[in-house]
Amino acid sequence: MTKYTVKIGFWLRAYEGFTVEAASDAEAIAQAKAMAATAMESTAPPEFVEFEERREGVIAFIDQITADDRRVVAEDVEFDTDRIHSAPAG
């Protein structure tokens, strides 16, 4: 029997929260966008990660493993239909 290493990738929903003070709804939206951009760049763990809802999986790679070598069999293989980043219509 031949051995293969399989690595998958998937998206998880993560949530972060913060408070802003603003003089108007428009200012609150602008501040929220700026804070959201900063939060997205952070490498700190988010407040909450929804582990029950794994989405848009892809098989990142399948490699064949032998005693002497490792050979790429396939990469970026779709295996589900949960596309949150679907291709644009064209």
PDB file of N, CA and C in Angstrom:
ATOM      1  N   MET A   1       0.844  -1.180   0.000  1.00  0.00           N
ATOM      2  CA  MET A   1       0.000   0.000   0.000  1.00  0.00           C
ATOM      3  C   MET A   1       0.892   1.246   0.000  1.00  0.00           C
ATOM      4  N   THR A   2       0.561   2.230  -0.804  1.00  0.00           N
ATOM      5  CA  THR A   2       1.310   3.479  -0.882  1.00  0.00           C
ATOM      6  C   THR A   2       0.736   4.495   0.099  1.00  0.00           C
ATOM      7  N   LYS A   3       1.587   5.278   0.741  1.00  0.00           N
ATOM      8  CA  LYS A   3       1.144   6.313   1.673  1.00  0.00           C
ATOM      9  C   LYS A   3       1.072   7.659   0.974  1.00  0.00           C
ATOM     10  N   TYR A   4       0.067   8.444   1.357  1.00  0.00           N
ATOM     11  CA  TYR A   4      -0.123   9.785   0.836  1.00  0.00           C
ATOM     12  C   TYR A   4      -0.357  10.734   2.008  1.00  0.00           C
ATOM     13  N   THR A   5       0.217  11.912   1.938  1.00  0.00           N
ATOM     14  CA  THR A   5      -0.050  12.969   2.907  1.00  0.00           C
ATOM     15  C   THR A   5      -1.062  13.916   2.274  1.00  0.00           C
ATOM     16  N   VAL A   6      -2.120  14.214   3.021  1.00  0.00           N
ATOM     17  CA  VAL A   6      -3.171  15.102   2.529  1.00  0.00           C
ATOM     18  C   VAL A   6      -3.290  16.275   3.487  1.00  0.00           C
ATOM     19  N   LYS A   7      -3.274  17.503   2.960  1.00  0.00           N
ATOM     20  CA  LYS A   7      -3.446  18.714   3.775  1.00  0.00           C
ATOM     21  C   LYS A   7      -4.643  19.471   3.220  1.00  0.00           C
ATOM     22  N   ILE A   8      -5.600  19.809   4.107  1.00  0.00           N
ATOM     23  CA  ILE A   8      -6.751  20.584   3.665  1.00  0.00           C
ATOM     24  C   ILE A   8      -6.694  21.983   4.260  1.00  0.00           C
ATOM     25  N   GLY A   9      -7.376  22.897   3.615  1.00  0.00           N
ATOM     26  CA  GLY A   9      -7.533  24.252   4.119  1.00  0.00           C
ATOM     27  C   GLY A   9      -9.007  24.590   4.141  1.00  0.00           C
ATOM     28  N   PHE A  10      -9.429  25.433   5.087  1.00  0.00           N
ATOM     29  CA  PHE A  10     -10.828  25.829   5.159  1.00  0.00           C
ATOM     30  C   PHE A  10     -10.937  27.150   5.907  1.00  0.00           C
ATOM     31  N   TRP A  11     -12.090  27.776   5.759  1.00  0.00           N
ATOM     32  CA  TRP A  11     -12.374  29.045   6.424  1.00  0.00           C
ATOM     33  C   TRP A  11     -13.174  28.786   7.694  1.00  0.00           C
ATOM     34  N   LEU A  12     -12.870  29.530   8.722  1.00  0.00           N
ATOM     35  CA  LEU A  12     -13.669  29.564   9.940  1.00  0.00           C
ATOM     36  C   LEU A  12     -14.136  31.001  10.143  1.00  0.00           C
ATOM     37  N   ARG A  13     -15.343  31.169  10.653  1.00  0.00           N
ATOM     38  CA  ARG A  13     -15.789  32.514  11.010  1.00  0.00           C
ATOM     39  C   ARG A  13     -15.150  32.896  12.335  1.00  0.00           C
ATOM     40  N   ALA A  14     -14.582  34.079  12.371  1.00  0.00           N
ATOM     41  CA  ALA A  14     -13.990  34.606  13.596  1.00  0.00           C
ATOM     42  C   ALA A  14     -14.626  35.962  13.877  1.00  0.00           C
ATOM     43  N   TYR A  15     -14.813  36.244  15.136  1.00  0.00           N
ATOM     44  CA  TYR A  15     -15.470  37.486  15.531  1.00  0.00           C
ATOM     45  C   TYR A  15     -14.588  38.271  16.478  1.00  0.00           C
ATOM     46  N   GLU A  16     -14.598  39.584  16.306  1.00  0.00           N
ATOM     47  CA  GLU A  16     -13.890  40.524  17.174  1.00  0.00           C
ATOM     48  C   GLU A  16     -14.858  41.661  17.449  1.00  0.00           C
ATOM     49  N   GLY A  17     -14.778  42.272  18.588  1.00  0.00           N
ATOM     50  CA  GLY A  17     -15.672  43.378  18.913  1.00  0.00           C
ATOM     51  C   GLY A  17     -14.911  44.544  19.513  1.00  0.00           C
ATOM     52  N   PHE A  18     -15.471  45.717  19.390  1.00  0.00           N
ATOM     53  CA  PHE A  18     -14.894  46.925  19.956  1.00  0.00           C
ATOM     54  C   PHE A  18     -15.981  47.974  20.072  1.00  0.00           C
ATOM     55  N   THR A  19     -15.691  49.056  20.791  1.00  0.00           N
ATOM     56  CA  THR A  19     -16.633  50.153  20.993  1.00  0.00           C
ATOM     57  C   THR A  19     -16.045  51.424  20.407  1.00  0.00           C
ATOM     58  N   VAL A  20     -16.888  52.200  19.740  1.00  0.00           N
ATOM     59  CA  VAL A  20     -16.469  53.510  19.229  1.00  0.00           C
ATOM     60  C   VAL A  20     -17.439  54.564  19.764  1.00  0.00           C
ATOM     61  N   GLU A  21     -16.957  55.776  19.891  1.00  0.00           N
ATOM     62  CA  GLU A  21     -17.809  56.910  20.238  1.00  0.00           C
ATOM     63  C   GLU A  21     -17.815  57.854  19.060  1.00  0.00           C
ATOM     64  N   ALA A  22     -19.017  58.289  18.668  1.00  0.00           N
ATOM     65  CA  ALA A  22     -19.134  59.133  17.487  1.00  0.00           C
ATOM     66  C   ALA A  22     -20.284  60.118  17.648  1.00  0.00           C
ATOM     67  N   ALA A  23     -20.190  61.220  16.911  1.00  0.00           N
ATOM     68  CA  ALA A  23     -21.221  62.255  16.966  1.00  0.00           C
ATOM     69  C   ALA A  23     -22.395  61.951  16.043  1.00  0.00           C
ATOM     70  N   SER A  24     -22.220  60.995  15.110  1.00  0.00           N
ATOM     71  CA  SER A  24     -23.299  60.679  14.171  1.00  0.00           C
ATOM     72  C   SER A  24     -23.167  59.231  13.710  1.00  0.00           C
ATOM     73  N   ASP A  25     -24.223  58.734  13.075  1.00  0.00           N
ATOM     74  CA  ASP A  25     -24.184  57.377  12.523  1.00  0.00           C
ATOM     75  C   ASP A  25     -23.084  57.246  11.473  1.00  0.00           C
ATOM     76  N   ALA A  26     -22.966  58.260  10.627  1.00  0.00           N
ATOM     77  CA  ALA A  26     -21.951  58.229   9.567  1.00  0.00           C
ATOM     78  C   ALA A  26     -20.543  58.180  10.159  1.00  0.00           C
ATOM     79  N   GLU A  27     -20.316  58.953  11.217  1.00  0.00           N
ATOM     80  CA  GLU A  27     -19.011  58.937  11.862  1.00  0.00           C
ATOM     81  C   GLU A  27     -18.759  57.580  12.531  1.00  0.00           C
ATOM     82  N   ALA A  28     -19.798  56.989  13.121  1.00  0.00           N
ATOM     83  CA  ALA A  28     -19.659  55.671  13.740  1.00  0.00           C
ATOM     84  C   ALA A  28     -19.285  54.626  12.692  1.00  0.00           C
ATOM     85  N   ILE A  29     -19.898  54.690  11.515  1.00  0.00           N
ATOM     86  CA  ILE A  29     -19.574  53.754  10.430  1.00  0.00           C
ATOM     87  C   ILE A  29     -18.133  53.945   9.984  1.00  0.00           C
ATOM     88  N   ALA A  30     -17.702  55.180   9.830  1.00  0.00           N
ATOM     89  CA  ALA A  30     -16.325  55.459   9.405  1.00  0.00           C
ATOM     90  C   ALA A  30     -15.321  54.947  10.439  1.00  0.00           C
ATOM     91  N   GLN A  31     -15.608  55.180  11.708  1.00  0.00           N
ATOM     92  CA  GLN A  31     -14.712  54.705  12.754  1.00  0.00           C
ATOM     93  C   GLN A  31     -14.703  53.176  12.819  1.00  0.00           C
ATOM     94  N   ALA A  32     -15.876  52.578  12.644  1.00  0.00           N
ATOM     95  CA  ALA A  32     -15.969  51.116  12.669  1.00  0.00           C
ATOM     96  C   ALA A  32     -15.145  50.503  11.537  1.00  0.00           C
ATOM     97  N   LYS A  33     -15.204  51.116  10.353  1.00  0.00           N
ATOM     98  CA  LYS A  33     -14.411  50.614   9.222  1.00  0.00           C
ATOM     99  C   LYS A  33     -12.914  50.703   9.515  1.00  0.00           C
ATOM    100  N   ALA A  34     -12.487  51.815  10.098  1.00  0.00           N
ATOM    101  CA  ALA A  34     -11.069  51.987  10.425  1.00  0.00           C
ATOM    102  C   ALA A  34     -10.634  50.984  11.493  1.00  0.00           C
ATOM    103  N   MET A  35     -11.443  50.802  12.521  1.00  0.00           N
ATOM    104  CA  MET A  35     -11.114  49.847  13.578  1.00  0.00           C
ATOM    105  C   MET A  35     -11.140  48.416  13.050  1.00  0.00           C
ATOM    106  N   ALA A  36     -12.084  48.117  12.164  1.00  0.00           N
ATOM    107  CA  ALA A  36     -12.170  46.778  11.587  1.00  0.00           C
ATOM    108  C   ALA A  36     -10.918  46.468  10.769  1.00  0.00           C
ATOM    109  N   ALA A  37     -10.447  47.441  10.007  1.00  0.00           N
ATOM    110  CA  ALA A  37      -9.233  47.238   9.210  1.00  0.00           C
ATOM    111  C   ALA A  37      -8.043  46.957  10.129  1.00  0.00           C
ATOM    112  N   THR A  38      -7.952  47.680  11.231  1.00  0.00           N
ATOM    113  CA  THR A  38      -6.874  47.454  12.195  1.00  0.00           C
ATOM    114  C   THR A  38      -6.998  46.067  12.820  1.00  0.00           C
ATOM    115  N   ALA A  39      -8.205  45.677  13.189  1.00  0.00           N
ATOM    116  CA  ALA A  39      -8.423  44.364  13.800  1.00  0.00           C
ATOM    117  C   ALA A  39      -8.061  43.240  12.830  1.00  0.00           C
ATOM    118  N   MET A  40      -8.362  43.415  11.545  1.00  0.00           N
ATOM    119  CA  MET A  40      -8.064  42.390  10.543  1.00  0.00           C
ATOM    120  C   MET A  40      -6.562  42.214  10.350  1.00  0.00           C
ATOM    121  N   GLU A  41      -5.788  43.253  10.580  1.00  0.00           N
ATOM    122  CA  GLU A  41      -4.333  43.174  10.422  1.00  0.00           C
ATOM    123  C   GLU A  41      -3.646  42.587  11.652  1.00  0.00           C
ATOM    124  N   SER A  42      -4.371  42.482  12.749  1.00  0.00           N
ATOM    125  CA  SER A  42      -3.800  41.991  13.993  1.00  0.00           C
ATOM    126  C   SER A  42      -3.477  40.504  13.908  1.00  0.00           C
ATOM    127  N   THR A  43      -2.416  40.099  14.581  1.00  0.00           N
ATOM    128  CA  THR A  43      -2.085  38.681  14.658  1.00  0.00           C
ATOM    129  C   THR A  43      -2.545  38.076  15.977  1.00  0.00           C
ATOM    130  N   ALA A  44      -3.186  38.874  16.814  1.00  0.00           N
ATOM    131  CA  ALA A  44      -3.728  38.380  18.082  1.00  0.00           C
ATOM    132  C   ALA A  44      -4.953  37.509  17.815  1.00  0.00           C
ATOM    133  N   PRO A  45      -5.200  36.522  18.649  1.00  0.00           N
ATOM    134  CA  PRO A  45      -6.393  35.687  18.463  1.00  0.00           C
ATOM    135  C   PRO A  45      -7.668  36.529  18.568  1.00  0.00           C
ATOM    136  N   PRO A  46      -8.675  36.217  17.775  1.00  0.00           N
ATOM    137  CA  PRO A  46      -9.946  36.948  17.860  1.00  0.00           C
ATOM    138  C   PRO A  46     -10.704  36.563  19.124  1.00  0.00           C
ATOM    139  N   GLU A  47     -11.745  37.337  19.442  1.00  0.00           N
ATOM    140  CA  GLU A  47     -12.572  37.056  20.618  1.00  0.00           C
ATOM    141  C   GLU A  47     -13.214  35.671  20.543  1.00  0.00           C
ATOM    142  N   PHE A  48     -13.691  35.308  19.365  1.00  0.00           N
ATOM    143  CA  PHE A  48     -14.455  34.074  19.215  1.00  0.00           C
ATOM    144  C   PHE A  48     -14.221  33.492  17.827  1.00  0.00           C
ATOM    145  N   VAL A  49     -14.053  32.197  17.766  1.00  0.00           N
ATOM    146  CA  VAL A  49     -13.953  31.474  16.496  1.00  0.00           C
ATOM    147  C   VAL A  49     -15.036  30.415  16.492  1.00  0.00           C
ATOM    148  N   GLU A  50     -15.813  30.380  15.426  1.00  0.00           N
ATOM    149  CA  GLU A  50     -16.924  29.435  15.304  1.00  0.00           C
ATOM    150  C   GLU A  50     -16.415  28.137  14.668  1.00  0.00           C
ATOM    151  N   PHE A  51     -16.039  27.194  15.497  1.00  0.00           N
ATOM    152  CA  PHE A  51     -15.456  25.944  15.019  1.00  0.00           C
ATOM    153  C   PHE A  51     -16.480  25.002  14.395  1.00  0.00           C
ATOM    154  N   GLU A  52     -17.748  25.175  14.728  1.00  0.00           N
ATOM    155  CA  GLU A  52     -18.777  24.276  14.212  1.00  0.00           C
ATOM    156  C   GLU A  52     -19.099  24.530  12.742  1.00  0.00           C
ATOM    157  N   GLU A  53     -18.692  25.654  12.200  1.00  0.00           N
ATOM    158  CA  GLU A  53     -19.050  26.040  10.835  1.00  0.00           C
ATOM    159  C   GLU A  53     -17.822  26.167   9.946  1.00  0.00           C
ATOM    160  N   ARG A  54     -17.155  25.076   9.654  1.00  0.00           N
ATOM    161  CA  ARG A  54     -16.039  25.112   8.708  1.00  0.00           C
ATOM    162  C   ARG A  54     -16.612  25.294   7.321  1.00  0.00           C
ATOM    163  N   ARG A  55     -16.000  26.192   6.529  1.00  0.00           N
ATOM    164  CA  ARG A  55     -16.568  26.516   5.225  1.00  0.00           C
ATOM    165  C   ARG A  55     -15.496  26.560   4.152  1.00  0.00           C
ATOM    166  N   GLU A  56     -15.926  26.387   2.950  1.00  0.00           N
ATOM    167  CA  GLU A  56     -15.117  26.433   1.730  1.00  0.00           C
ATOM    168  C   GLU A  56     -13.816  25.665   1.889  1.00  0.00           C
ATOM    169  N   GLY A  57     -13.945  24.373   1.954  1.00  0.00           N
ATOM    170  CA  GLY A  57     -12.761  23.541   2.066  1.00  0.00           C
ATOM    171  C   GLY A  57     -12.091  23.309   0.719  1.00  0.00           C
ATOM    172  N   VAL A  58     -10.799  23.123   0.774  1.00  0.00           N
ATOM    173  CA  VAL A  58     -10.018  22.773  -0.403  1.00  0.00           C
ATOM    174  C   VAL A  58      -8.921  21.819   0.050  1.00  0.00           C
ATOM    175  N   ILE A  59      -8.633  20.841  -0.782  1.00  0.00           N
ATOM    176  CA  ILE A  59      -7.486  19.991  -0.507  1.00  0.00           C
ATOM    177  C   ILE A  59      -6.279  20.760  -1.010  1.00  0.00           C
ATOM    178  N   ALA A  60      -5.464  21.246  -0.099  1.00  0.00           N
ATOM    179  CA  ALA A  60      -4.309  22.069  -0.467  1.00  0.00           C
ATOM    180  C   ALA A  60      -3.304  21.257  -1.270  1.00  0.00           C
ATOM    181  N   PHE A  61      -3.044  20.038  -0.812  1.00  0.00           N
ATOM    182  CA  PHE A  61      -2.165  19.166  -1.587  1.00  0.00           C
ATOM    183  C   PHE A  61      -2.331  17.717  -1.170  1.00  0.00           C
ATOM    184  N   ILE A  62      -1.993  16.846  -2.100  1.00  0.00           N
ATOM    185  CA  ILE A  62      -1.863  15.410  -1.851  1.00  0.00           C
ATOM    186  C   ILE A  62      -0.481  15.035  -2.359  1.00  0.00           C
ATOM    187  N   ASP A  63       0.353  14.532  -1.469  1.00  0.00           N
ATOM    188  CA  ASP A  63       1.708  14.108  -1.829  1.00  0.00           C
ATOM    189  C   ASP A  63       1.844  12.614  -1.583  1.00  0.00           C
ATOM    190  N   GLN A  64       2.498  11.937  -2.518  1.00  0.00           N
ATOM    191  CA  GLN A  64       2.813  10.532  -2.326  1.00  0.00           C
ATOM    192  C   GLN A  64       4.123  10.444  -1.544  1.00  0.00           C
ATOM    193  N   ILE A  65       4.128   9.603  -0.519  1.00  0.00           N
ATOM    194  CA  ILE A  65       5.299   9.462   0.336  1.00  0.00           C
ATOM    195  C   ILE A  65       5.911   8.087   0.112  1.00  0.00           C
ATOM    196  N   THR A  66       7.200   8.078  -0.192  1.00  0.00           N
ATOM    197  CA  THR A  66       7.944   6.823  -0.284  1.00  0.00           C
ATOM    198  C   THR A  66       9.112   6.908   0.692  1.00  0.00           C
ATOM    199  N   ALA A  67       9.851   5.837   0.813  1.00  0.00           N
ATOM    200  CA  ALA A  67      11.000   5.832   1.729  1.00  0.00           C
ATOM    201  C   ALA A  67      12.056   6.844   1.303  1.00  0.00           C
ATOM    202  N   ASP A  68      12.145   7.123   0.011  1.00  0.00           N
ATOM    203  CA  ASP A  68      13.196   7.997  -0.509  1.00  0.00           C
ATOM    204  C   ASP A  68      12.719   9.361  -0.988  1.00  0.00           C
ATOM    205  N   ASP A  69      11.411   9.548  -1.138  1.00  0.00           N
ATOM    206  CA  ASP A  69      10.963  10.743  -1.844  1.00  0.00           C
ATOM    207  C   ASP A  69       9.556  11.154  -1.417  1.00  0.00           C
ATOM    208  N   ARG A  70       9.212  12.348  -1.822  1.00  0.00           N
ATOM    209  CA  ARG A  70       7.871  12.897  -1.662  1.00  0.00           C
ATOM    210  C   ARG A  70       7.490  13.505  -3.008  1.00  0.00           C
ATOM    211  N   ARG A  71       6.369  13.055  -3.587  1.00  0.00           N
ATOM    212  CA  ARG A  71       5.976  13.500  -4.926  1.00  0.00           C
ATOM    213  C   ARG A  71       4.586  14.118  -4.888  1.00  0.00           C
ATOM    214  N   VAL A  72       4.439  15.299  -5.499  1.00  0.00           N
ATOM    215  CA  VAL A  72       3.151  15.978  -5.558  1.00  0.00           C
ATOM    216  C   VAL A  72       2.227  15.207  -6.496  1.00  0.00           C
ATOM    217  N   VAL A  73       1.048  14.861  -5.977  1.00  0.00           N
ATOM    218  CA  VAL A  73       0.034  14.176  -6.780  1.00  0.00           C
ATOM    219  C   VAL A  73      -0.999  15.183  -7.275  1.00  0.00           C
ATOM    220  N   ALA A  74      -1.449  16.082  -6.380  1.00  0.00           N
ATOM    221  CA  ALA A  74      -2.459  17.074  -6.747  1.00  0.00           C
ATOM    222  C   ALA A  74      -2.368  18.255  -5.791  1.00  0.00           C
ATOM    223  N   GLU A  75      -2.846  19.415  -6.267  1.00  0.00           N
ATOM    224  CA  GLU A  75      -2.892  20.630  -5.450  1.00  0.00           C
ATOM    225  C   GLU A  75      -4.194  21.367  -5.710  1.00  0.00           C
ATOM    226  N   ASP A  76      -4.685  22.081  -4.693  1.00  0.00           N
ATOM    227  CA  ASP A  76      -5.883  22.923  -4.793  1.00  0.00           C
ATOM    228  C   ASP A  76      -7.060  22.190  -5.424  1.00  0.00           C
ATOM    229  N   VAL A  77      -7.463  21.110  -4.806  1.00  0.00           N
ATOM    230  CA  VAL A  77      -8.559  20.285  -5.300  1.00  0.00           C
ATOM    231  C   VAL A  77      -9.830  20.630  -4.532  1.00  0.00           C
ATOM    232  N   GLU A  78     -10.859  21.123  -5.236  1.00  0.00           N
ATOM    233  CA  GLU A  78     -12.147  21.392  -4.592  1.00  0.00           C
ATOM    234  C   GLU A  78     -12.828  20.071  -4.309  1.00  0.00           C
ATOM    235  N   PHE A  79     -13.470  19.974  -3.148  1.00  0.00           N
ATOM    236  CA  PHE A  79     -14.183  18.752  -2.821  1.00  0.00           C
ATOM    237  C   PHE A  79     -15.560  19.001  -2.226  1.00  0.00           C
ATOM    238  N   ASP A  80     -15.933  20.263  -2.021  1.00  0.00           N
ATOM    239  CA  ASP A  80     -17.257  20.560  -1.488  1.00  0.00           C
ATOM    240  C   ASP A  80     -17.927  21.621  -2.355  1.00  0.00           C
ATOM    241  N   THR A  81     -19.173  21.915  -2.033  1.00  0.00           N
ATOM    242  CA  THR A  81     -19.925  22.894  -2.819  1.00  0.00           C
ATOM    243  C   THR A  81     -20.207  24.172  -2.041  1.00  0.00           C
ATOM    244  N   ASP A  82     -19.594  24.326  -0.872  1.00  0.00           N
ATOM    245  CA  ASP A  82     -19.812  25.502  -0.034  1.00  0.00           C
ATOM    246  C   ASP A  82     -18.840  26.598  -0.453  1.00  0.00           C
ATOM    247  N   ARG A  83     -19.125  27.270  -1.530  1.00  0.00           N
ATOM    248  CA  ARG A  83     -18.243  28.297  -2.086  1.00  0.00           C
ATOM    249  C   ARG A  83     -18.615  29.665  -1.554  1.00  0.00           C
ATOM    250  N   ILE A  84     -17.821  30.214  -0.627  1.00  0.00           N
ATOM    251  CA  ILE A  84     -18.081  31.578  -0.162  1.00  0.00           C
ATOM    252  C   ILE A  84     -17.342  32.592  -1.037  1.00  0.00           C
ATOM    253  N   HIS A  85     -16.410  32.119  -1.811  1.00  0.00           N
ATOM    254  CA  HIS A  85     -15.695  32.979  -2.758  1.00  0.00           C
ATOM    255  C   HIS A  85     -15.874  32.403  -4.152  1.00  0.00           C
ATOM    256  N   SER A  86     -17.098  32.444  -4.649  1.00  0.00           N
ATOM    257  CA  SER A  86     -17.377  31.859  -5.953  1.00  0.00           C
ATOM    258  C   SER A  86     -16.772  32.713  -7.059  1.00  0.00           C
ATOM    259  N   ALA A  87     -16.519  32.074  -8.186  1.00  0.00           N
ATOM    260  CA  ALA A  87     -15.961  32.785  -9.333  1.00  0.00           C
ATOM    261  C   ALA A  87     -16.970  33.792  -9.858  1.00  0.00           C
ATOM    262  N   PRO A  88     -16.511  34.971 -10.315  1.00  0.00           N
ATOM    263  CA  PRO A  88     -17.437  35.965 -10.857  1.00  0.00           C
ATOM    264  C   PRO A  88     -18.136  35.448 -12.113  1.00  0.00           C
ATOM    265  N   ALA A  89     -19.386  35.818 -12.251  1.00  0.00           N
ATOM    266  CA  ALA A  89     -20.149  35.414 -13.452  1.00  0.00           C
ATOM    267  C   ALA A  89     -19.566  36.087 -14.671  1.00  0.00           C
ATOM    268  N   GLY A  90     -19.482  35.365 -15.744  1.00  0.00           N
ATOM    269  CA  GLY A  90     -18.879  35.964 -16.921  1.00  0.00           C
ATOM    270  C   GLY A  90     -19.286  35.305 -18.102  1.00  0.00           C
TER     271      GLY A  90
END
